[in-house]
C-alpha atoms as a PDB file:
ATOM      1  CA  MET A   1    -114.151 144.252 164.408  1.00  0.00           C
ATOM      2  CA  LEU A   2    -110.947 142.206 164.147  1.00  0.00           C
ATOM      3  CA  LYS A   3    -108.051 144.130 163.472  1.00  0.00           C
ATOM      4  CA  LYS A   4    -105.569 142.980 161.159  1.00  0.00           C
ATOM      5  CA  ARG A   5    -101.889 143.680 160.664  1.00  0.00           C
ATOM      6  CA  LEU A   6    -100.469 141.477 158.253  1.00  0.00           C
ATOM      7  CA  VAL A   7     -96.210 141.469 157.336  1.00  0.00           C
ATOM      8  CA  ALA A   8     -94.153 138.972 155.206  1.00  0.00           C
ATOM      9  CA  LEU A   9     -90.783 138.353 155.519  1.00  0.00           C
ATOM     10  CA  GLY A  10     -89.819 140.725 157.978  1.00  0.00           C
ATOM     11  CA  LEU A  11     -93.250 142.689 158.477  1.00  0.00           C
ATOM     12  CA  SER A  12     -95.895 140.947 161.136  1.00  0.00           C
ATOM     13  CA  ALA A  13     -99.546 140.690 160.623  1.00  0.00           C
ATOM     14  CA  ILE A  14    -101.623 141.531 163.611  1.00  0.00           C
ATOM     15  CA  LEU A  15    -105.011 140.340 164.385  1.00  0.00           C
ATOM     16  CA  VAL A  16    -107.493 140.171 167.162  1.00  0.00           C
ATOM     17  CA  LEU A  17    -110.056 137.997 168.461  1.00  0.00           C
ATOM     18  CA  GLY A  18    -111.041 135.029 171.367  1.00  0.00           C
ATOM     19  CA  MET A  19    -111.986 131.459 171.581  1.00  0.00           C
ATOM     20  CA  LEU A  20    -110.158 128.050 173.160  1.00  0.00           C
ATOM     21  CA  VAL A  21    -110.721 124.718 172.316  1.00  0.00           C
ATOM     22  CA  GLY A  22    -109.713 121.647 175.200  1.00  0.00           C
ATOM     23  CA  CYS A  23    -107.014 123.935 176.800  1.00  0.00           C
ATOM     24  CA  GLY A  24    -107.975 123.110 180.593  1.00  0.00           C
ATOM     25  CA  ASP A  25    -105.478 125.431 182.614  1.00  0.00           C
ATOM     26  CA  ASN A  26    -103.867 126.926 179.381  1.00  0.00           C
ATOM     27  CA  GLU A  27    -107.118 129.135 178.754  1.00  0.00           C
ATOM     28  CA  LYS A  28    -106.923 131.275 182.089  1.00  0.00           C
ATOM     29  CA  GLN A  29    -102.772 131.558 181.599  1.00  0.00           C
ATOM     30  CA  ALA A  30    -103.633 132.379 177.566  1.00  0.00           C
ATOM     31  CA  GLU A  31    -106.147 135.212 178.846  1.00  0.00           C
ATOM     32  CA  GLU A  32    -103.828 136.969 180.955  1.00  0.00           C
ATOM     33  CA  THR A  33    -101.117 136.589 177.615  1.00  0.00           C
ATOM     34  CA  LYS A  34    -103.626 137.954 174.923  1.00  0.00           C
ATOM     35  CA  ARG A  35    -100.454 137.845 172.565  1.00  0.00           C
ATOM     36  CA  LEU A  36     -98.494 135.253 170.508  1.00  0.00           C
ATOM     37  CA  THR A  37     -96.055 135.189 167.520  1.00  0.00           C
ATOM     38  CA  ILE A  38     -96.148 132.258 165.167  1.00  0.00           C
ATOM     39  CA  TYR A  39     -93.932 131.779 162.718  1.00  0.00           C
ATOM     40  CA  SER A  40     -95.509 129.999 159.321  1.00  0.00           C
ATOM     41  CA  GLY A  41     -94.701 127.976 156.104  1.00  0.00           C
ATOM     42  CA  LEU A  42     -98.047 127.961 154.764  1.00  0.00           C
ATOM     43  CA  MET A  43     -99.332 129.570 151.895  1.00  0.00           C
ATOM     44  CA  GLN A  44    -100.219 133.484 153.099  1.00  0.00           C
ATOM     45  CA  ASP A  45    -103.597 133.450 152.229  1.00  0.00           C
ATOM     46  CA  HIS A  46    -104.162 129.681 154.410  1.00  0.00           C
ATOM     47  CA  MET A  47    -102.296 131.629 157.441  1.00  0.00           C
ATOM     48  CA  ILE A  48    -104.263 134.827 157.749  1.00  0.00           C
ATOM     49  CA  LYS A  49    -107.226 133.112 157.126  1.00  0.00           C
ATOM     50  CA  ALA A  50    -106.455 130.735 160.587  1.00  0.00           C
ATOM     51  CA  VAL A  51    -105.323 133.316 162.615  1.00  0.00           C
ATOM     52  CA  GLU A  52    -108.231 135.185 162.143  1.00  0.00           C
ATOM     53  CA  GLU A  53    -110.365 132.341 162.843  1.00  0.00           C
ATOM     54  CA  PHE A  54    -108.246 131.896 166.234  1.00  0.00           C
ATOM     55  CA  GLU A  55    -108.167 134.950 167.256  1.00  0.00           C
ATOM     56  CA  LYS A  56    -111.965 135.358 167.035  1.00  0.00           C
ATOM     57  CA  GLU A  57    -112.153 132.350 168.862  1.00  0.00           C
ATOM     58  CA  THR A  58    -110.153 133.247 171.642  1.00  0.00           C
ATOM     59  CA  GLY A  59    -109.345 137.006 171.633  1.00  0.00           C
ATOM     60  CA  ILE A  60    -105.127 136.598 171.480  1.00  0.00           C
ATOM     61  CA  GLU A  61    -103.570 138.613 169.145  1.00  0.00           C
ATOM     62  CA  VAL A  62    -101.288 136.659 166.723  1.00  0.00           C
ATOM     63  CA  ASP A  63     -98.202 138.412 164.800  1.00  0.00           C
ATOM     64  CA  ALA A  64     -97.657 135.624 162.121  1.00  0.00           C
ATOM     65  CA  VAL A  65     -95.222 136.070 160.211  1.00  0.00           C
ATOM     66  CA  ARG A  66     -95.067 134.133 156.346  1.00  0.00           C
ATOM     67  CA  MET A  67     -91.636 132.306 155.429  1.00  0.00           C
ATOM     68  CA  SER A  68     -90.244 129.534 153.522  1.00  0.00           C
ATOM     69  CA  SER A  69     -89.032 126.451 155.722  1.00  0.00           C
ATOM     70  CA  GLY A  70     -85.809 127.139 155.107  1.00  0.00           C
ATOM     71  CA  GLU A  71     -85.895 130.365 156.265  1.00  0.00           C
ATOM     72  CA  ILE A  72     -87.837 129.667 159.126  1.00  0.00           C
ATOM     73  CA  LEU A  73     -85.687 127.170 160.652  1.00  0.00           C
ATOM     74  CA  SER A  74     -82.499 129.435 160.098  1.00  0.00           C
ATOM     75  CA  ARG A  75     -84.228 132.529 162.038  1.00  0.00           C
ATOM     76  CA  ILE A  76     -85.268 130.167 164.982  1.00  0.00           C
ATOM     77  CA  LYS A  77     -81.729 128.894 165.087  1.00  0.00           C
ATOM     78  CA  ALA A  78     -80.462 132.326 165.021  1.00  0.00           C
ATOM     79  CA  GLU A  79     -82.861 133.375 167.662  1.00  0.00           C
ATOM     80  CA  LYS A  80     -82.292 130.092 170.028  1.00  0.00           C
ATOM     81  CA  GLU A  81     -80.772 132.544 172.901  1.00  0.00           C
ATOM     82  CA  ASN A  82     -83.742 134.854 172.448  1.00  0.00           C
ATOM     83  CA  PRO A  83     -86.433 133.235 171.049  1.00  0.00           C
ATOM     84  CA  LYS A  84     -88.909 135.730 168.862  1.00  0.00           C
ATOM     85  CA  ALA A  85     -91.540 133.529 168.298  1.00  0.00           C
ATOM     86  CA  SER A  86     -93.474 130.157 169.792  1.00  0.00           C
ATOM     87  CA  VAL A  87     -95.253 128.388 167.033  1.00  0.00           C
ATOM     88  CA  TRP A  88     -93.403 127.185 163.932  1.00  0.00           C
ATOM     89  CA  PHE A  89     -96.903 126.177 161.438  1.00  0.00           C
ATOM     90  CA  GLY A  90     -96.668 124.900 158.769  1.00  0.00           C
ATOM     91  CA  GLY A  91     -94.265 122.975 155.954  1.00  0.00           C
ATOM     92  CA  PRO A  92     -92.234 120.078 155.291  1.00  0.00           C
ATOM     93  CA  ALA A  93     -91.617 117.636 158.482  1.00  0.00           C
ATOM     94  CA  ASP A  94     -88.026 117.759 157.877  1.00  0.00           C
ATOM     95  CA  GLY A  95     -87.429 120.998 158.661  1.00  0.00           C
ATOM     96  CA  PHE A  96     -89.112 120.558 162.121  1.00  0.00           C
ATOM     97  CA  ILE A  97     -86.729 116.851 162.571  1.00  0.00           C
ATOM     98  CA  SER A  98     -83.768 119.280 161.848  1.00  0.00           C
ATOM     99  CA  ALA A  99     -84.855 121.917 164.630  1.00  0.00           C
ATOM    100  CA  LYS A 100     -85.501 119.062 166.981  1.00  0.00           C
ATOM    101  CA  GLU A 101     -82.377 117.452 165.933  1.00  0.00           C
ATOM    102  CA  GLN A 102     -80.958 121.189 166.929  1.00  0.00           C
ATOM    103  CA  GLY A 103     -82.458 121.152 170.563  1.00  0.00           C
ATOM    104  CA  LEU A 104     -85.181 124.478 169.025  1.00  0.00           C
ATOM    105  CA  LEU A 105     -88.037 122.385 169.505  1.00  0.00           C
ATOM    106  CA  GLU A 106     -90.382 121.979 172.726  1.00  0.00           C
ATOM    107  CA  LYS A 107     -91.645 118.687 173.389  1.00  0.00           C
ATOM    108  CA  TYR A 108     -95.507 119.276 173.805  1.00  0.00           C
ATOM    109  CA  GLU A 109     -98.413 117.072 173.846  1.00  0.00           C
ATOM    110  CA  SER A 110    -101.553 117.908 172.639  1.00  0.00           C
ATOM    111  CA  PRO A 111    -104.440 116.386 174.171  1.00  0.00           C
ATOM    112  CA  ASN A 112    -105.723 116.844 170.431  1.00  0.00           C
ATOM    113  CA  ALA A 113    -103.172 114.903 169.172  1.00  0.00           C
ATOM    114  CA  ALA A 114    -104.530 111.857 170.217  1.00  0.00           C
ATOM    115  CA  LYS A 115    -106.791 111.851 167.218  1.00  0.00           C
ATOM    116  CA  ILE A 116    -103.440 112.106 164.844  1.00  0.00           C
ATOM    117  CA  PRO A 117    -102.265 108.569 163.397  1.00  0.00           C
ATOM    118  CA  ALA A 118     -98.957 107.912 164.819  1.00  0.00           C
ATOM    119  CA  GLU A 119     -97.556 107.935 160.835  1.00  0.00           C
ATOM    120  CA  PHE A 120     -98.198 111.788 161.214  1.00  0.00           C
ATOM    121  CA  LYS A 121     -96.711 112.973 163.965  1.00  0.00           C
ATOM    122  CA  ASP A 122     -93.195 112.670 166.563  1.00  0.00           C
ATOM    123  CA  ALA A 123     -93.131 109.446 168.785  1.00  0.00           C
ATOM    124  CA  GLU A 124     -91.386 112.116 171.216  1.00  0.00           C
ATOM    125  CA  ASP A 125     -94.062 114.590 170.866  1.00  0.00           C
ATOM    126  CA  TYR A 126     -92.081 117.051 169.523  1.00  0.00           C
ATOM    127  CA  TRP A 127     -93.785 118.136 165.993  1.00  0.00           C
ATOM    128  CA  THR A 128     -97.658 117.286 164.567  1.00  0.00           C
ATOM    129  CA  GLY A 129     -98.600 116.670 161.539  1.00  0.00           C
ATOM    130  CA  ILE A 130    -101.626 118.680 160.284  1.00  0.00           C
ATOM    131  CA  TYR A 131    -101.896 117.662 156.536  1.00  0.00           C
ATOM    132  CA  VAL A 132    -100.344 115.588 153.887  1.00  0.00           C
ATOM    133  CA  GLY A 133     -99.154 117.133 150.532  1.00  0.00           C
ATOM    134  CA  TYR A 134     -97.338 115.350 147.648  1.00  0.00           C
ATOM    135  CA  LEU A 135     -94.568 116.394 145.630  1.00  0.00           C
ATOM    136  CA  GLY A 136     -95.495 116.851 141.644  1.00  0.00           C
ATOM    137  CA  LEU A 137     -94.759 118.215 138.081  1.00  0.00           C
ATOM    138  CA  VAL A 138     -96.578 121.630 136.458  1.00  0.00           C
ATOM    139  CA  GLY A 139     -96.311 121.951 132.996  1.00  0.00           C
ATOM    140  CA  ASN A 140     -97.841 124.818 131.027  1.00  0.00           C
ATOM    141  CA  GLU A 141     -99.706 123.169 127.875  1.00  0.00           C
ATOM    142  CA  VAL A 142     -99.424 126.161 125.832  1.00  0.00           C
ATOM    143  CA  LEU A 143     -95.407 125.913 126.350  1.00  0.00           C
ATOM    144  CA  LEU A 144     -95.705 122.145 125.446  1.00  0.00           C
ATOM    145  CA  LYS A 145     -97.755 122.254 122.851  1.00  0.00           C
ATOM    146  CA  GLU A 146     -95.425 125.240 121.203  1.00  0.00           C
ATOM    147  CA  LYS A 147     -92.707 123.417 121.679  1.00  0.00           C
ATOM    148  CA  GLY A 148     -93.876 120.201 120.559  1.00  0.00           C
ATOM    149  CA  VAL A 149     -93.352 118.155 123.436  1.00  0.00           C
ATOM    150  CA  GLU A 150     -95.238 115.899 126.049  1.00  0.00           C
ATOM    151  CA  MET A 151     -95.507 116.328 129.599  1.00  0.00           C
ATOM    152  CA  PRO A 152     -92.821 115.044 131.371  1.00  0.00           C
ATOM    153  CA  GLN A 153     -94.566 111.746 132.967  1.00  0.00           C
ATOM    154  CA  SER A 154     -90.769 111.103 134.987  1.00  0.00           C
ATOM    155  CA  TRP A 155     -87.660 112.563 137.017  1.00  0.00           C
ATOM    156  CA  GLU A 156     -85.813 111.105 133.437  1.00  0.00           C
ATOM    157  CA  GLU A 157     -88.065 112.685 131.217  1.00  0.00           C
ATOM    158  CA  LEU A 158     -86.581 115.956 133.121  1.00  0.00           C
ATOM    159  CA  LEU A 159     -83.490 115.602 131.161  1.00  0.00           C
ATOM    160  CA  LYS A 160     -84.313 115.336 128.177  1.00  0.00           C
ATOM    161  CA  PRO A 161     -82.734 118.354 125.281  1.00  0.00           C
ATOM    162  CA  GLU A 162     -86.081 120.107 125.109  1.00  0.00           C
ATOM    163  CA  PHE A 163     -86.678 121.417 128.467  1.00  0.00           C
ATOM    164  CA  LYS A 164     -83.115 122.860 128.626  1.00  0.00           C
ATOM    165  CA  GLY A 165     -83.390 126.209 130.877  1.00  0.00           C
ATOM    166  CA  GLN A 166     -87.298 125.828 130.546  1.00  0.00           C
ATOM    167  CA  ILE A 167     -87.472 123.963 134.303  1.00  0.00           C
ATOM    168  CA  ILE A 168     -87.752 126.278 137.240  1.00  0.00           C
ATOM    169  CA  MET A 169     -87.592 124.791 141.141  1.00  0.00           C
ATOM    170  CA  ALA A 170     -87.162 126.754 144.165  1.00  0.00           C
ATOM    171  CA  ASN A 171     -83.535 125.862 146.256  1.00  0.00           C
ATOM    172  CA  PRO A 172     -83.751 123.264 149.169  1.00  0.00           C
ATOM    173  CA  GLY A 173     -81.384 125.429 151.372  1.00  0.00           C
ATOM    174  CA  SER A 174     -84.495 128.046 151.753  1.00  0.00           C
ATOM    175  CA  SER A 175     -87.502 125.483 150.913  1.00  0.00           C
ATOM    176  CA  GLY A 176     -88.765 123.030 152.355  1.00  0.00           C
ATOM    177  CA  THR A 177     -90.477 122.102 149.213  1.00  0.00           C
ATOM    178  CA  ALA A 178     -87.601 121.947 147.190  1.00  0.00           C
ATOM    179  CA  TYR A 179     -85.947 119.895 149.725  1.00  0.00           C
ATOM    180  CA  THR A 180     -88.496 117.342 149.582  1.00  0.00           C
ATOM    181  CA  ALA A 181     -87.920 117.216 145.967  1.00  0.00           C
ATOM    182  CA  LEU A 182     -83.588 116.653 146.568  1.00  0.00           C
ATOM    183  CA  ALA A 183     -84.537 114.172 149.508  1.00  0.00           C
ATOM    184  CA  THR A 184     -86.597 112.158 147.004  1.00  0.00           C
ATOM    185  CA  VAL A 185     -84.361 111.878 144.598  1.00  0.00           C
ATOM    186  CA  VAL A 186     -81.456 110.672 146.417  1.00  0.00           C
ATOM    187  CA  GLN A 187     -83.401 108.206 148.612  1.00  0.00           C
ATOM    188  CA  LEU A 188     -85.410 106.813 144.814  1.00  0.00           C
ATOM    189  CA  MET A 189     -81.678 106.706 143.125  1.00  0.00           C
ATOM    190  CA  GLY A 190     -78.501 106.581 146.303  1.00  0.00           C
ATOM    191  CA  GLU A 191     -76.914 109.021 147.306  1.00  0.00           C
ATOM    192  CA  GLU A 192     -74.256 109.078 145.142  1.00  0.00           C
ATOM    193  CA  LYS A 193     -76.543 108.805 141.816  1.00  0.00           C
ATOM    194  CA  GLY A 194     -78.665 111.352 143.564  1.00  0.00           C
ATOM    195  CA  LEU A 195     -76.590 113.803 143.758  1.00  0.00           C
ATOM    196  CA  GLU A 196     -75.700 113.347 139.836  1.00  0.00           C
ATOM    197  CA  TYR A 197     -78.966 113.552 139.077  1.00  0.00           C
ATOM    198  CA  MET A 198     -79.283 116.531 140.791  1.00  0.00           C
ATOM    199  CA  ALA A 199     -76.377 118.280 138.317  1.00  0.00           C
ATOM    200  CA  LYS A 200     -78.116 117.147 135.672  1.00  0.00           C
ATOM    201  CA  LEU A 201     -80.924 118.244 136.545  1.00  0.00           C
ATOM    202  CA  ASP A 202     -78.998 121.653 137.247  1.00  0.00           C
ATOM    203  CA  LYS A 203     -77.903 122.107 133.547  1.00  0.00           C
ATOM    204  CA  GLN A 204     -81.672 121.750 132.619  1.00  0.00           C
ATOM    205  CA  MET A 205     -83.135 124.824 135.136  1.00  0.00           C
ATOM    206  CA  LYS A 206     -84.090 128.465 133.882  1.00  0.00           C
ATOM    207  CA  THR A 207     -83.867 129.328 137.821  1.00  0.00           C
ATOM    208  CA  TYR A 208     -84.006 128.537 141.429  1.00  0.00           C
ATOM    209  CA  THR A 209     -86.821 130.386 143.443  1.00  0.00           C
ATOM    210  CA  LYS A 210     -86.301 130.764 147.406  1.00  0.00           C
ATOM    211  CA  SER A 211     -90.193 129.748 147.474  1.00  0.00           C
ATOM    212  CA  GLY A 212     -91.085 126.456 146.653  1.00  0.00           C
ATOM    213  CA  THR A 213     -94.970 127.606 145.504  1.00  0.00           C
ATOM    214  CA  ALA A 214     -93.153 130.443 143.067  1.00  0.00           C
ATOM    215  CA  PRO A 215     -92.051 127.451 140.188  1.00  0.00           C
ATOM    216  CA  GLY A 216     -96.239 126.651 140.415  1.00  0.00           C
ATOM    217  CA  ARG A 217     -96.984 129.897 139.930  1.00  0.00           C
ATOM    218  CA  MET A 218     -94.592 130.772 137.002  1.00  0.00           C
ATOM    219  CA  ALA A 219     -95.406 127.663 135.112  1.00  0.00           C
ATOM    220  CA  GLY A 220     -99.327 128.624 135.421  1.00  0.00           C
ATOM    221  CA  GLN A 221     -97.994 132.329 133.931  1.00  0.00           C
ATOM    222  CA  GLY A 222     -95.768 130.812 131.076  1.00  0.00           C
ATOM    223  CA  GLU A 223     -92.403 131.522 133.011  1.00  0.00           C
ATOM    224  CA  CYS A 224     -91.310 128.369 132.412  1.00  0.00           C
ATOM    225  CA  MET A 225     -92.642 124.815 130.490  1.00  0.00           C
ATOM    226  CA  VAL A 226     -92.259 122.821 134.232  1.00  0.00           C
ATOM    227  CA  GLY A 227     -92.008 123.790 137.963  1.00  0.00           C
ATOM    228  CA  ILE A 228     -91.623 120.957 140.376  1.00  0.00           C
ATOM    229  CA  THR A 229     -93.494 121.645 143.320  1.00  0.00           C
ATOM    230  CA  PHE A 230     -96.436 120.144 145.398  1.00  0.00           C
ATOM    231  CA  LEU A 231     -99.286 119.595 143.213  1.00  0.00           C
ATOM    232  CA  HIS A 232    -102.152 121.083 145.832  1.00  0.00           C
ATOM    233  CA  ASP A 233    -100.504 124.332 145.346  1.00  0.00           C
ATOM    234  CA  ALA A 234    -100.996 123.795 141.282  1.00  0.00           C
ATOM    235  CA  ILE A 235    -104.538 123.078 141.852  1.00  0.00           C
ATOM    236  CA  LYS A 236    -105.217 126.200 143.757  1.00  0.00           C
ATOM    237  CA  TYR A 237    -103.128 128.332 140.966  1.00  0.00           C
ATOM    238  CA  LYS A 238    -105.454 126.892 138.491  1.00  0.00           C
ATOM    239  CA  GLU A 239    -108.802 127.295 140.111  1.00  0.00           C
ATOM    240  CA  GLU A 240    -107.660 130.716 140.436  1.00  0.00           C
ATOM    241  CA  GLY A 241    -107.463 131.176 136.895  1.00  0.00           C
ATOM    242  CA  MET A 242    -103.865 129.314 135.422  1.00  0.00           C
ATOM    243  CA  LYS A 243    -105.969 127.483 132.673  1.00  0.00           C
ATOM    244  CA  ASP A 244    -103.014 126.434 131.266  1.00  0.00           C
ATOM    245  CA  ILE A 245    -101.598 124.229 134.368  1.00  0.00           C
ATOM    246  CA  VAL A 246    -101.318 120.289 133.645  1.00  0.00           C
ATOM    247  CA  ILE A 247     -99.897 118.392 136.487  1.00  0.00           C
ATOM    248  CA  ALA A 248     -97.827 115.126 136.529  1.00  0.00           C
ATOM    249  CA  ALA A 249     -96.536 112.767 139.222  1.00  0.00           C
ATOM    250  CA  PRO A 250     -93.113 111.029 138.604  1.00  0.00           C
ATOM    251  CA  LYS A 251     -93.676 107.561 137.514  1.00  0.00           C
ATOM    252  CA  GLU A 252     -90.692 106.299 139.337  1.00  0.00           C
ATOM    253  CA  GLY A 253     -92.721 107.560 142.629  1.00  0.00           C
ATOM    254  CA  THR A 254     -92.522 110.961 144.680  1.00  0.00           C
ATOM    255  CA  GLY A 255     -92.268 112.154 147.869  1.00  0.00           C
ATOM    256  CA  PHE A 256     -94.238 114.090 149.973  1.00  0.00           C
ATOM    257  CA  GLU A 257     -94.644 116.310 152.925  1.00  0.00           C
ATOM    258  CA  ILE A 258     -96.109 116.004 156.218  1.00  0.00           C
ATOM    259  CA  GLY A 259     -97.077 119.798 156.984  1.00  0.00           C
ATOM    260  CA  SER A 260     -96.184 120.199 160.705  1.00  0.00           C
ATOM    261  CA  VAL A 261     -96.759 122.657 163.804  1.00  0.00           C
ATOM    262  CA  ALA A 262     -94.775 122.888 166.887  1.00  0.00           C
ATOM    263  CA  LEU A 263     -93.569 124.535 170.101  1.00  0.00           C
ATOM    264  CA  ILE A 264     -90.629 127.212 169.682  1.00  0.00           C
ATOM    265  CA  LYS A 265     -88.080 126.179 172.237  1.00  0.00           C
ATOM    266  CA  ASP A 266     -88.320 128.935 175.369  1.00  0.00           C
ATOM    267  CA  GLY A 267     -90.598 131.121 173.042  1.00  0.00           C
ATOM    268  CA  PRO A 268     -92.743 133.471 174.594  1.00  0.00           C
ATOM    269  CA  ASP A 269     -96.190 133.370 175.248  1.00  0.00           C
ATOM    270  CA  GLN A 270     -96.419 129.143 176.019  1.00  0.00           C
ATOM    271  CA  GLU A 271     -99.823 128.790 177.158  1.00  0.00           C
ATOM    272  CA  ALA A 272    -100.995 130.810 174.088  1.00  0.00           C
ATOM    273  CA  ALA A 273     -98.756 128.880 171.922  1.00  0.00           C
ATOM    274  CA  LYS A 274    -100.166 125.776 173.486  1.00  0.00           C
ATOM    275  CA  MET A 275    -103.792 126.669 172.864  1.00  0.00           C
ATOM    276  CA  PHE A 276    -102.945 127.686 169.308  1.00  0.00           C
ATOM    277  CA  ILE A 277    -101.668 123.995 168.885  1.00  0.00           C
ATOM    278  CA  ASP A 278    -104.864 122.148 170.332  1.00  0.00           C
ATOM    279  CA  TRP A 279    -106.783 124.412 168.044  1.00  0.00           C
ATOM    280  CA  VAL A 280    -105.107 123.896 164.905  1.00  0.00           C
ATOM    281  CA  LEU A 281    -105.652 120.090 165.186  1.00  0.00           C
ATOM    282  CA  THR A 282    -109.318 120.662 165.410  1.00  0.00           C
ATOM    283  CA  LYS A 283    -111.020 119.173 162.606  1.00  0.00           C
ATOM    284  CA  GLU A 284    -112.427 122.455 162.411  1.00  0.00           C
ATOM    285  CA  ALA A 285    -108.881 124.412 162.091  1.00  0.00           C
ATOM    286  CA  GLN A 286    -108.201 121.565 159.457  1.00  0.00           C
ATOM    287  CA  ASN A 287    -110.989 122.188 157.596  1.00  0.00           C
ATOM    288  CA  ILE A 288    -109.917 125.985 156.915  1.00  0.00           C
ATOM    289  CA  GLY A 289    -107.214 125.673 154.257  1.00  0.00           C
ATOM    290  CA  GLN A 290    -109.715 124.135 151.613  1.00  0.00           C
ATOM    291  CA  THR A 291    -111.807 127.687 152.200  1.00  0.00           C
ATOM    292  CA  VAL A 292    -108.770 129.771 150.373  1.00  0.00           C
ATOM    293  CA  GLY A 293    -107.625 127.165 148.071  1.00  0.00           C
ATOM    294  CA  SER A 294    -105.076 124.727 150.386  1.00  0.00           C
ATOM    295  CA  TYR A 295    -106.029 121.135 149.531  1.00  0.00           C
ATOM    296  CA  GLN A 296    -104.307 119.310 150.933  1.00  0.00           C
ATOM    297  CA  PHE A 297    -104.866 115.811 152.865  1.00  0.00           C
ATOM    298  CA  LEU A 298    -105.865 116.052 156.608  1.00  0.00           C
ATOM    299  CA  THR A 299    -104.506 114.554 159.545  1.00  0.00           C
ATOM    300  CA  ASN A 300    -107.219 114.574 161.510  1.00  0.00           C
ATOM    301  CA  PRO A 301    -109.629 111.798 160.239  1.00  0.00           C
ATOM    302  CA  GLU A 302    -112.595 113.713 161.671  1.00  0.00           C
ATOM    303  CA  ALA A 303    -111.858 116.431 159.212  1.00  0.00           C
ATOM    304  CA  SER A 304    -113.156 116.730 155.525  1.00  0.00           C
ATOM    305  CA  THR A 305    -110.721 116.027 152.697  1.00  0.00           C
ATOM    306  CA  PRO A 306    -110.836 118.523 149.517  1.00  0.00           C
ATOM    307  CA  GLU A 307    -112.668 117.426 147.001  1.00  0.00           C
ATOM    308  CA  GLN A 308    -109.613 118.920 144.668  1.00  0.00           C
ATOM    309  CA  ALA A 309    -107.595 116.741 146.413  1.00  0.00           C
ATOM    310  CA  LEU A 310    -108.806 113.302 145.589  1.00  0.00           C
ATOM    311  CA  THR A 311    -108.074 113.835 141.804  1.00  0.00           C
ATOM    312  CA  ILE A 312    -104.665 113.244 143.133  1.00  0.00           C
ATOM    313  CA  LYS A 313    -105.294 110.658 146.123  1.00  0.00           C
ATOM    314  CA  ASP A 314    -103.459 107.486 143.654  1.00  0.00           C
ATOM    315  CA  THR A 315    -100.218 109.385 143.102  1.00  0.00           C
ATOM    316  CA  LYS A 316     -97.320 106.847 143.780  1.00  0.00           C
ATOM    317  CA  LEU A 317     -95.774 107.485 146.761  1.00  0.00           C
ATOM    318  CA  ILE A 318     -92.134 106.587 147.472  1.00  0.00           C
ATOM    319  CA  ASP A 319     -91.602 105.035 151.040  1.00  0.00           C
ATOM    320  CA  TYR A 320     -90.703 108.377 152.178  1.00  0.00           C
ATOM    321  CA  ASN A 321     -87.897 108.098 155.392  1.00  0.00           C
ATOM    322  CA  PHE A 322     -88.679 111.514 157.249  1.00  0.00           C
ATOM    323  CA  LYS A 323     -86.159 110.602 160.095  1.00  0.00           C
ATOM    324  CA  TRP A 324     -83.073 110.554 157.193  1.00  0.00           C
ATOM    325  CA  ALA A 325     -84.084 113.388 155.870  1.00  0.00           C
ATOM    326  CA  GLY A 326     -84.690 115.663 158.351  1.00  0.00           C
ATOM    327  CA  GLU A 327     -81.437 114.001 160.236  1.00  0.00           C
ATOM    328  CA  ASN A 328     -79.520 114.602 157.140  1.00  0.00           C
ATOM    329  CA  ARG A 329     -80.705 118.274 155.843  1.00  0.00           C
ATOM    330  CA  GLY A 330     -77.831 120.602 156.554  1.00  0.00           C
ATOM    331  CA  GLU A 331     -75.633 117.828 154.996  1.00  0.00           C
ATOM    332  CA  MET A 332     -77.614 117.104 151.976  1.00  0.00           C
ATOM    333  CA  VAL A 333     -77.949 120.971 151.476  1.00  0.00           C
ATOM    334  CA  GLU A 334     -74.402 121.448 151.410  1.00  0.00           C
ATOM    335  CA  LYS A 335     -74.010 118.319 149.149  1.00  0.00           C
ATOM    336  CA  TRP A 336     -76.157 119.452 146.559  1.00  0.00           C
ATOM    337  CA  ASN A 337     -74.321 122.970 146.765  1.00  0.00           C
ATOM    338  CA  LYS A 338     -71.209 121.710 145.530  1.00  0.00           C
ATOM    339  CA  ALA A 339     -72.803 118.877 143.220  1.00  0.00           C
ATOM    340  CA  VAL A 340     -74.501 122.174 141.434  1.00  0.00           C
ATOM    341  CA  LYS A 341     -71.694 124.766 141.283  1.00  0.00           C
END
């Protein structure tokens, strides 16, 4: 019987189990360790299910802490001299690239990364993609009808007067989702016009949340007319009963995330951490998300694309520059803060 103790944002989740996947010598060392701490940017139910299955297959106990990507980046930076966790699991690659630039990650070439296409992983093996998610707009159909307005179909339409005080997104400083939105707008419009746009969008905001998934849920609950979030999260909320949700992708084009996994530099239990990374890159591990409502596209070509994701497969994407977004994360968040003051 597995024993689980989950803690979010300060608490920790502990579960127990037993398996290994293509780990060679790591196996014996991990058996001696039997413990692992990870920081995760996944939806909580996805994180819990993945940890449960890993524990079941390996017998390694996992403490899993759920945070937004910006919080994870800040945490591992603050713990740089005495790391408490060994794996960063989930969240946009931008944050991982920023962490790599700051010397917070350890290079690790998982044998299972060989199956992951080059465009979904770091060329120097500091992080590897596990899924892809598209950024978009999430509306509340009832509220839109009450106001007699159409669901916005573009970044520009978010600035219409009828949406003043009716839009929610997360803070790019704490949320990888919101930073993807900021980086998308800047890449679409250029830095000067992009920041001018974000300043105008700020006048339309009802509030900024800490978590990037919250705007979709709040739109579904009728707390705002439109949220900016990843579309797979909105699909999950609609399946969970928020039937008023409608989704759209900006017609100018939108950004996307490569949800990733990486080894934290000098973290404890490195061999168990490598086993975990090996495992999450397998098709079996990648298929777990859709069993708990996570409908991203998957990076392992042998994994099964969730049927729900096919509804957004034709979304117009920009040629999102992950390297630029990651290397300029701190600077762009600072400029955004000044622009929206």
